[in-house]
Every structure is written in structure tokens, then in C-alpha cells.
Amino acid sequence: RAIHLYNKYMGGVDIHDMHCNNLLPCIRAK
């Protein structure tokens, strides 16, 4: 059960990072 819960709920930060990468603007700065 511990392995199953870890695989199910651990990816919250990865989901947020994936959404942010979909909104990457092409306007950049140094």
C-alpha cells in the first residue's frame, strides 16, 4: 500500500511543472 500511495500522489510538482512548460513565452531576457 505504501508504494501504491507514493506512485499515486507524488507527482503533484511534476504536474505543475508540466503545465508551466506549456505556457513558456518566447519573449526572453538576459
PDB file of all heavy atoms in Angstrom:
ATOM      1  N   ARG A   1       0.819  -1.205   0.000  1.00  0.00           N
ATOM      2  CA  ARG A   1       0.000   0.000   0.000  1.00  0.00           C
ATOM      3  C   ARG A   1       0.859   1.265   0.000  1.00  0.00           C
ATOM      4  O   ARG A   1       0.518   2.255  -0.642  1.00  0.00           O
ATOM      5  CB  ARG A   1      -0.918  -0.012   1.224  1.00  0.00           C
ATOM      6  CG  ARG A   1      -1.884   1.165   1.294  1.00  0.00           C
ATOM      7  CD  ARG A   1      -2.908   0.974   2.392  1.00  0.00           C
ATOM      8  NE  ARG A   1      -3.826   2.104   2.450  1.00  0.00           N
ATOM      9  CZ  ARG A   1      -3.630   3.168   3.202  1.00  0.00           C
ATOM     10  NH1 ARG A   1      -2.557   3.234   3.991  1.00  0.00           N
ATOM     11  NH2 ARG A   1      -4.495   4.168   3.205  1.00  0.00           N
ATOM     12  N   ALA A   2       1.985   1.261   0.720  1.00  0.00           N
ATOM     13  CA  ALA A   2       2.851   2.442   0.781  1.00  0.00           C
ATOM     14  C   ALA A   2       3.412   2.789  -0.595  1.00  0.00           C
ATOM     15  O   ALA A   2       3.471   3.965  -0.977  1.00  0.00           O
ATOM     16  CB  ALA A   2       3.987   2.203   1.774  1.00  0.00           C
ATOM     17  N   ILE A   3       3.800   1.781  -1.370  1.00  0.00           N
ATOM     18  CA  ILE A   3       4.316   2.009  -2.725  1.00  0.00           C
ATOM     19  C   ILE A   3       3.209   2.541  -3.629  1.00  0.00           C
ATOM     20  O   ILE A   3       3.416   3.468  -4.434  1.00  0.00           O
ATOM     21  CB  ILE A   3       4.905   0.718  -3.303  1.00  0.00           C
ATOM     22  CG1 ILE A   3       5.976   0.138  -2.386  1.00  0.00           C
ATOM     23  CG2 ILE A   3       5.456   0.963  -4.702  1.00  0.00           C
ATOM     24  CD1 ILE A   3       7.248   0.905  -2.327  1.00  0.00           C
ATOM     25  N   HIS A   4       2.022   1.975  -3.508  1.00  0.00           N
ATOM     26  CA  HIS A   4       0.895   2.395  -4.339  1.00  0.00           C
ATOM     27  C   HIS A   4       0.520   3.859  -4.056  1.00  0.00           C
ATOM     28  O   HIS A   4       0.289   4.637  -4.988  1.00  0.00           O
ATOM     29  CB  HIS A   4      -0.301   1.478  -4.079  1.00  0.00           C
ATOM     30  CG  HIS A   4      -1.509   1.827  -4.889  1.00  0.00           C
ATOM     31  ND1 HIS A   4      -1.681   1.421  -6.191  1.00  0.00           N
ATOM     32  CD2 HIS A   4      -2.613   2.568  -4.582  1.00  0.00           C
ATOM     33  CE1 HIS A   4      -2.827   1.885  -6.661  1.00  0.00           C
ATOM     34  NE2 HIS A   4      -3.416   2.578  -5.705  1.00  0.00           N
ATOM     35  N   LEU A   5       0.465   4.241  -2.787  1.00  0.00           N
ATOM     36  CA  LEU A   5       0.120   5.620  -2.443  1.00  0.00           C
ATOM     37  C   LEU A   5       1.191   6.597  -2.920  1.00  0.00           C
ATOM     38  O   LEU A   5       0.881   7.700  -3.384  1.00  0.00           O
ATOM     39  CB  LEU A   5      -0.066   5.742  -0.929  1.00  0.00           C
ATOM     40  CG  LEU A   5      -1.278   5.027  -0.327  1.00  0.00           C
ATOM     41  CD1 LEU A   5      -1.273   5.169   1.196  1.00  0.00           C
ATOM     42  CD2 LEU A   5      -2.573   5.578  -0.906  1.00  0.00           C
ATOM     43  N   TYR A   6       2.446   6.201  -2.819  1.00  0.00           N
ATOM     44  CA  TYR A   6       3.541   7.064  -3.276  1.00  0.00           C
ATOM     45  C   TYR A   6       3.447   7.300  -4.776  1.00  0.00           C
ATOM     46  O   TYR A   6       3.583   8.441  -5.247  1.00  0.00           O
ATOM     47  CB  TYR A   6       4.886   6.438  -2.911  1.00  0.00           C
ATOM     48  CG  TYR A   6       6.071   7.249  -3.368  1.00  0.00           C
ATOM     49  CD1 TYR A   6       6.555   8.291  -2.603  1.00  0.00           C
ATOM     50  CD2 TYR A   6       6.706   6.967  -4.575  1.00  0.00           C
ATOM     51  CE1 TYR A   6       7.643   9.043  -3.017  1.00  0.00           C
ATOM     52  CE2 TYR A   6       7.784   7.707  -5.007  1.00  0.00           C
ATOM     53  CZ  TYR A   6       8.252   8.747  -4.218  1.00  0.00           C
ATOM     54  OH  TYR A   6       9.326   9.492  -4.655  1.00  0.00           O
ATOM     55  N   ASN A   7       3.209   6.246  -5.558  1.00  0.00           N
ATOM     56  CA  ASN A   7       3.097   6.399  -7.010  1.00  0.00           C
ATOM     57  C   ASN A   7       1.887   7.221  -7.411  1.00  0.00           C
ATOM     58  O   ASN A   7       1.903   7.921  -8.436  1.00  0.00           O
ATOM     59  CB  ASN A   7       3.018   5.021  -7.672  1.00  0.00           C
ATOM     60  CG  ASN A   7       4.305   4.234  -7.535  1.00  0.00           C
ATOM     61  OD1 ASN A   7       5.387   4.809  -7.377  1.00  0.00           O
ATOM     62  ND2 ASN A   7       4.202   2.916  -7.574  1.00  0.00           N
ATOM     63  N   LYS A   8       0.840   7.191  -6.608  1.00  0.00           N
ATOM     64  CA  LYS A   8      -0.407   7.874  -6.953  1.00  0.00           C
ATOM     65  C   LYS A   8      -0.365   9.359  -6.642  1.00  0.00           C
ATOM     66  O   LYS A   8      -0.866  10.179  -7.421  1.00  0.00           O
ATOM     67  CB  LYS A   8      -1.568   7.217  -6.200  1.00  0.00           C
ATOM     68  CG  LYS A   8      -2.928   7.779  -6.567  1.00  0.00           C
ATOM     69  CD  LYS A   8      -4.042   7.024  -5.850  1.00  0.00           C
ATOM     70  CE  LYS A   8      -5.420   7.573  -6.238  1.00  0.00           C
ATOM     71  NZ  LYS A   8      -6.505   6.851  -5.529  1.00  0.00           N
ATOM     72  N   TYR A   9       0.264   9.750  -5.541  1.00  0.00           N
ATOM     73  CA  TYR A   9       0.158  11.130  -5.058  1.00  0.00           C
ATOM     74  C   TYR A   9       1.468  11.918  -5.107  1.00  0.00           C
ATOM     75  O   TYR A   9       1.480  13.089  -4.754  1.00  0.00           O
ATOM     76  CB  TYR A   9      -0.349  11.137  -3.614  1.00  0.00           C
ATOM     77  CG  TYR A   9      -1.744  10.599  -3.463  1.00  0.00           C
ATOM     78  CD1 TYR A   9      -1.974   9.394  -2.801  1.00  0.00           C
ATOM     79  CD2 TYR A   9      -2.841  11.278  -3.981  1.00  0.00           C
ATOM     80  CE1 TYR A   9      -3.259   8.888  -2.653  1.00  0.00           C
ATOM     81  CE2 TYR A   9      -4.126  10.785  -3.847  1.00  0.00           C
ATOM     82  CZ  TYR A   9      -4.329   9.588  -3.178  1.00  0.00           C
ATOM     83  OH  TYR A   9      -5.593   9.104  -3.046  1.00  0.00           O
ATOM     84  N   MET A  10       2.551  11.322  -5.551  1.00  0.00           N
ATOM     85  CA  MET A  10       3.835  12.009  -5.512  1.00  0.00           C
ATOM     86  C   MET A  10       4.021  12.996  -6.657  1.00  0.00           C
ATOM     87  O   MET A  10       4.800  13.940  -6.562  1.00  0.00           O
ATOM     88  CB  MET A  10       4.974  10.972  -5.525  1.00  0.00           C
ATOM     89  CG  MET A  10       6.368  11.565  -5.529  1.00  0.00           C
ATOM     90  SD  MET A  10       6.642  12.735  -4.181  1.00  0.00           S
ATOM     91  CE  MET A  10       8.066  13.605  -4.764  1.00  0.00           C
ATOM     92  N   GLY A  11       3.292  12.871  -7.749  1.00  0.00           N
ATOM     93  CA  GLY A  11       3.587  13.643  -8.963  1.00  0.00           C
ATOM     94  C   GLY A  11       2.978  15.017  -9.027  1.00  0.00           C
ATOM     95  O   GLY A  11       2.838  15.567 -10.132  1.00  0.00           O
ATOM     96  N   GLY A  12       2.594  15.630  -7.909  1.00  0.00           N
ATOM     97  CA  GLY A  12       1.966  16.949  -7.952  1.00  0.00           C
ATOM     98  C   GLY A  12       2.872  18.033  -8.499  1.00  0.00           C
ATOM     99  O   GLY A  12       2.452  18.863  -9.313  1.00  0.00           O
ATOM    100  N   VAL A  13       4.128  18.035  -8.084  1.00  0.00           N
ATOM    101  CA  VAL A  13       5.077  19.049  -8.560  1.00  0.00           C
ATOM    102  C   VAL A  13       5.375  18.846 -10.038  1.00  0.00           C
ATOM    103  O   VAL A  13       5.521  19.810 -10.796  1.00  0.00           O
ATOM    104  CB  VAL A  13       6.368  19.005  -7.722  1.00  0.00           C
ATOM    105  CG1 VAL A  13       7.377  20.036  -8.222  1.00  0.00           C
ATOM    106  CG2 VAL A  13       6.064  19.261  -6.247  1.00  0.00           C
ATOM    107  N   ASP A  14       5.459  17.595 -10.477  1.00  0.00           N
ATOM    108  CA  ASP A  14       5.702  17.316 -11.892  1.00  0.00           C
ATOM    109  C   ASP A  14       4.529  17.772 -12.758  1.00  0.00           C
ATOM    110  O   ASP A  14       4.721  18.268 -13.876  1.00  0.00           O
ATOM    111  CB  ASP A  14       5.946  15.825 -12.099  1.00  0.00           C
ATOM    112  CG  ASP A  14       7.222  15.355 -11.435  1.00  0.00           C
ATOM    113  OD1 ASP A  14       8.140  16.186 -11.283  1.00  0.00           O
ATOM    114  OD2 ASP A  14       7.308  14.170 -11.060  1.00  0.00           O
ATOM    115  N   ILE A  15       3.299  17.616 -12.259  1.00  0.00           N
ATOM    116  CA  ILE A  15       2.125  18.091 -12.994  1.00  0.00           C
ATOM    117  C   ILE A  15       2.155  19.609 -13.119  1.00  0.00           C
ATOM    118  O   ILE A  15       1.893  20.174 -14.192  1.00  0.00           O
ATOM    119  CB  ILE A  15       0.833  17.629 -12.289  1.00  0.00           C
ATOM    120  CG1 ILE A  15       0.705  16.114 -12.366  1.00  0.00           C
ATOM    121  CG2 ILE A  15      -0.391  18.300 -12.908  1.00  0.00           C
ATOM    122  CD1 ILE A  15      -0.462  15.551 -11.567  1.00  0.00           C
ATOM    123  N   HIS A  16       2.495  20.284 -12.023  1.00  0.00           N
ATOM    124  CA  HIS A  16       2.584  21.748 -12.062  1.00  0.00           C
ATOM    125  C   HIS A  16       3.684  22.201 -13.029  1.00  0.00           C
ATOM    126  O   HIS A  16       3.488  23.145 -13.801  1.00  0.00           O
ATOM    127  CB  HIS A  16       2.876  22.278 -10.662  1.00  0.00           C
ATOM    128  CG  HIS A  16       2.946  23.763 -10.578  1.00  0.00           C
ATOM    129  ND1 HIS A  16       1.839  24.566 -10.428  1.00  0.00           N
ATOM    130  CD2 HIS A  16       4.007  24.615 -10.643  1.00  0.00           C
ATOM    131  CE1 HIS A  16       2.200  25.829 -10.399  1.00  0.00           C
ATOM    132  NE2 HIS A  16       3.512  25.883 -10.527  1.00  0.00           N
ATOM    133  N   ASP A  17       4.818  21.535 -12.994  1.00  0.00           N
ATOM    134  CA  ASP A  17       5.928  21.880 -13.887  1.00  0.00           C
ATOM    135  C   ASP A  17       5.552  21.641 -15.344  1.00  0.00           C
ATOM    136  O   ASP A  17       5.926  22.414 -16.234  1.00  0.00           O
ATOM    137  CB  ASP A  17       7.152  21.051 -13.498  1.00  0.00           C
ATOM    138  CG  ASP A  17       8.424  21.575 -14.135  1.00  0.00           C
ATOM    139  OD1 ASP A  17       8.439  22.750 -14.552  1.00  0.00           O
ATOM    140  OD2 ASP A  17       9.416  20.825 -14.213  1.00  0.00           O
ATOM    141  N   MET A  18       4.793  20.590 -15.617  1.00  0.00           N
ATOM    142  CA  MET A  18       4.359  20.298 -16.988  1.00  0.00           C
ATOM    143  C   MET A  18       3.451  21.409 -17.517  1.00  0.00           C
ATOM    144  O   MET A  18       3.595  21.860 -18.657  1.00  0.00           O
ATOM    145  CB  MET A  18       3.634  18.961 -17.018  1.00  0.00           C
ATOM    146  CG  MET A  18       3.093  18.558 -18.385  1.00  0.00           C
ATOM    147  SD  MET A  18       2.003  17.132 -18.313  1.00  0.00           S
ATOM    148  CE  MET A  18       0.624  17.803 -17.383  1.00  0.00           C
ATOM    149  N   HIS A  19       2.506  21.873 -16.680  1.00  0.00           N
ATOM    150  CA  HIS A  19       1.622  22.958 -17.098  1.00  0.00           C
ATOM    151  C   HIS A  19       2.409  24.247 -17.342  1.00  0.00           C
ATOM    152  O   HIS A  19       2.106  25.006 -18.276  1.00  0.00           O
ATOM    153  CB  HIS A  19       0.544  23.196 -16.037  1.00  0.00           C
ATOM    154  CG  HIS A  19      -0.513  22.130 -16.003  1.00  0.00           C
ATOM    155  ND1 HIS A  19      -1.143  21.681 -17.139  1.00  0.00           N
ATOM    156  CD2 HIS A  19      -1.052  21.432 -14.973  1.00  0.00           C
ATOM    157  CE1 HIS A  19      -2.027  20.754 -16.809  1.00  0.00           C
ATOM    158  NE2 HIS A  19      -1.989  20.589 -15.498  1.00  0.00           N
ATOM    159  N   CYS A  20       3.386  24.516 -16.499  1.00  0.00           N
ATOM    160  CA  CYS A  20       4.203  25.729 -16.674  1.00  0.00           C
ATOM    161  C   CYS A  20       4.995  25.675 -17.971  1.00  0.00           C
ATOM    162  O   CYS A  20       5.158  26.698 -18.650  1.00  0.00           O
ATOM    163  CB  CYS A  20       5.139  25.911 -15.484  1.00  0.00           C
ATOM    164  SG  CYS A  20       4.309  26.388 -13.952  1.00  0.00           S
ATOM    165  N   ASN A  21       5.501  24.504 -18.335  1.00  0.00           N
ATOM    166  CA  ASN A  21       6.247  24.373 -19.584  1.00  0.00           C
ATOM    167  C   ASN A  21       5.351  24.564 -20.808  1.00  0.00           C
ATOM    168  O   ASN A  21       5.825  24.979 -21.868  1.00  0.00           O
ATOM    169  CB  ASN A  21       6.930  23.009 -19.647  1.00  0.00           C
ATOM    170  CG  ASN A  21       8.078  22.890 -18.669  1.00  0.00           C
ATOM    171  OD1 ASN A  21       8.710  23.893 -18.311  1.00  0.00           O
ATOM    172  ND2 ASN A  21       8.350  21.688 -18.200  1.00  0.00           N
ATOM    173  N   ASN A  22       4.066  24.285 -20.666  1.00  0.00           N
ATOM    174  CA  ASN A  22       3.130  24.527 -21.769  1.00  0.00           C
ATOM    175  C   ASN A  22       2.864  26.014 -21.969  1.00  0.00           C
ATOM    176  O   ASN A  22       2.333  26.411 -23.011  1.00  0.00           O
ATOM    177  CB  ASN A  22       1.812  23.804 -21.506  1.00  0.00           C
ATOM    178  CG  ASN A  22       1.944  22.302 -21.579  1.00  0.00           C
ATOM    179  OD1 ASN A  22       2.841  21.782 -22.231  1.00  0.00           O
ATOM    180  ND2 ASN A  22       1.068  21.582 -20.900  1.00  0.00           N
ATOM    181  N   LEU A  23       3.193  26.832 -20.965  1.00  0.00           N
ATOM    182  CA  LEU A  23       2.950  28.274 -21.034  1.00  0.00           C
ATOM    183  C   LEU A  23       4.248  29.060 -21.154  1.00  0.00           C
ATOM    184  O   LEU A  23       4.325  30.215 -20.738  1.00  0.00           O
ATOM    185  CB  LEU A  23       2.209  28.727 -19.762  1.00  0.00           C
ATOM    186  CG  LEU A  23       0.820  28.124 -19.551  1.00  0.00           C
ATOM    187  CD1 LEU A  23       0.321  28.466 -18.163  1.00  0.00           C
ATOM    188  CD2 LEU A  23      -0.154  28.623 -20.599  1.00  0.00           C
ATOM    189  N   LEU A  24       5.267  28.461 -21.735  1.00  0.00           N
ATOM    190  CA  LEU A  24       6.575  29.106 -21.835  1.00  0.00           C
ATOM    191  C   LEU A  24       6.541  30.178 -22.916  1.00  0.00           C
ATOM    192  O   LEU A  24       6.382  29.871 -24.105  1.00  0.00           O
ATOM    193  CB  LEU A  24       7.646  28.070 -22.153  1.00  0.00           C
ATOM    194  CG  LEU A  24       9.095  28.556 -22.119  1.00  0.00           C
ATOM    195  CD1 LEU A  24       9.468  28.993 -20.706  1.00  0.00           C
ATOM    196  CD2 LEU A  24      10.040  27.470 -22.603  1.00  0.00           C
ATOM    197  N   PRO A  25       6.690  31.472 -22.571  1.00  0.00           N
ATOM    198  CA  PRO A  25       6.652  32.533 -23.591  1.00  0.00           C
ATOM    199  C   PRO A  25       7.951  32.593 -24.377  1.00  0.00           C
ATOM    200  O   PRO A  25       9.022  32.194 -23.890  1.00  0.00           O
ATOM    201  CB  PRO A  25       6.433  33.806 -22.759  1.00  0.00           C
ATOM    202  CG  PRO A  25       7.030  33.490 -21.435  1.00  0.00           C
ATOM    203  CD  PRO A  25       6.816  32.014 -21.213  1.00  0.00           C
ATOM    204  N   CYS A  26       7.868  33.090 -25.597  1.00  0.00           N
ATOM    205  CA  CYS A  26       9.073  33.223 -26.425  1.00  0.00           C
ATOM    206  C   CYS A  26       9.788  34.549 -26.178  1.00  0.00           C
ATOM    207  O   CYS A  26      10.880  34.761 -26.706  1.00  0.00           O
ATOM    208  CB  CYS A  26       8.716  33.067 -27.897  1.00  0.00           C
ATOM    209  SG  CYS A  26       7.625  34.357 -28.532  1.00  0.00           S
ATOM    210  N   ILE A  27       9.199  35.447 -25.386  1.00  0.00           N
ATOM    211  CA  ILE A  27       9.852  36.709 -25.022  1.00  0.00           C
ATOM    212  C   ILE A  27      10.784  36.430 -23.848  1.00  0.00           C
ATOM    213  O   ILE A  27      10.342  36.028 -22.774  1.00  0.00           O
ATOM    214  CB  ILE A  27       8.811  37.782 -24.661  1.00  0.00           C
ATOM    215  CG1 ILE A  27       7.968  38.125 -25.891  1.00  0.00           C
ATOM    216  CG2 ILE A  27       9.487  39.037 -24.127  1.00  0.00           C
ATOM    217  CD1 ILE A  27       6.874  39.133 -25.627  1.00  0.00           C
ATOM    218  N   ARG A  28      12.055  36.658 -24.036  1.00  0.00           N
ATOM    219  CA  ARG A  28      13.058  36.312 -23.031  1.00  0.00           C
ATOM    220  C   ARG A  28      13.904  37.531 -22.696  1.00  0.00           C
ATOM    221  O   ARG A  28      13.789  38.583 -23.312  1.00  0.00           O
ATOM    222  CB  ARG A  28      13.939  35.162 -23.525  1.00  0.00           C
ATOM    223  CG  ARG A  28      13.143  33.903 -23.868  1.00  0.00           C
ATOM    224  CD  ARG A  28      14.005  32.867 -24.532  1.00  0.00           C
ATOM    225  NE  ARG A  28      13.237  31.712 -24.969  1.00  0.00           N
ATOM    226  CZ  ARG A  28      13.725  30.719 -25.688  1.00  0.00           C
ATOM    227  NH1 ARG A  28      14.985  30.736 -26.077  1.00  0.00           N
ATOM    228  NH2 ARG A  28      12.949  29.704 -26.047  1.00  0.00           N
ATOM    229  N   ALA A  29      14.770  37.349 -21.685  1.00  0.00           N
ATOM    230  CA  ALA A  29      15.676  38.413 -21.267  1.00  0.00           C
ATOM    231  C   ALA A  29      16.944  37.773 -20.696  1.00  0.00           C
ATOM    232  O   ALA A  29      16.951  36.588 -20.343  1.00  0.00           O
ATOM    233  CB  ALA A  29      15.010  39.326 -20.234  1.00  0.00           C
ATOM    234  N   LYS A  30      17.993  38.558 -20.578  1.00  0.00           N
ATOM    235  CA  LYS A  30      19.263  38.060 -20.061  1.00  0.00           C
ATOM    236  C   LYS A  30      19.308  38.045 -18.536  1.00  0.00           C
ATOM    237  O   LYS A  30      20.164  37.394 -17.949  1.00  0.00           O
ATOM    238  CB  LYS A  30      20.415  38.906 -20.604  1.00  0.00           C
ATOM    239  CG  LYS A  30      20.603  38.785 -22.108  1.00  0.00           C
ATOM    240  CD  LYS A  30      21.798  39.591 -22.575  1.00  0.00           C
ATOM    241  CE  LYS A  30      22.000  39.432 -24.090  1.00  0.00           C
ATOM    242  NZ  LYS A  30      23.158  40.225 -24.566  1.00  0.00           N
TER     243      LYS A  30
END
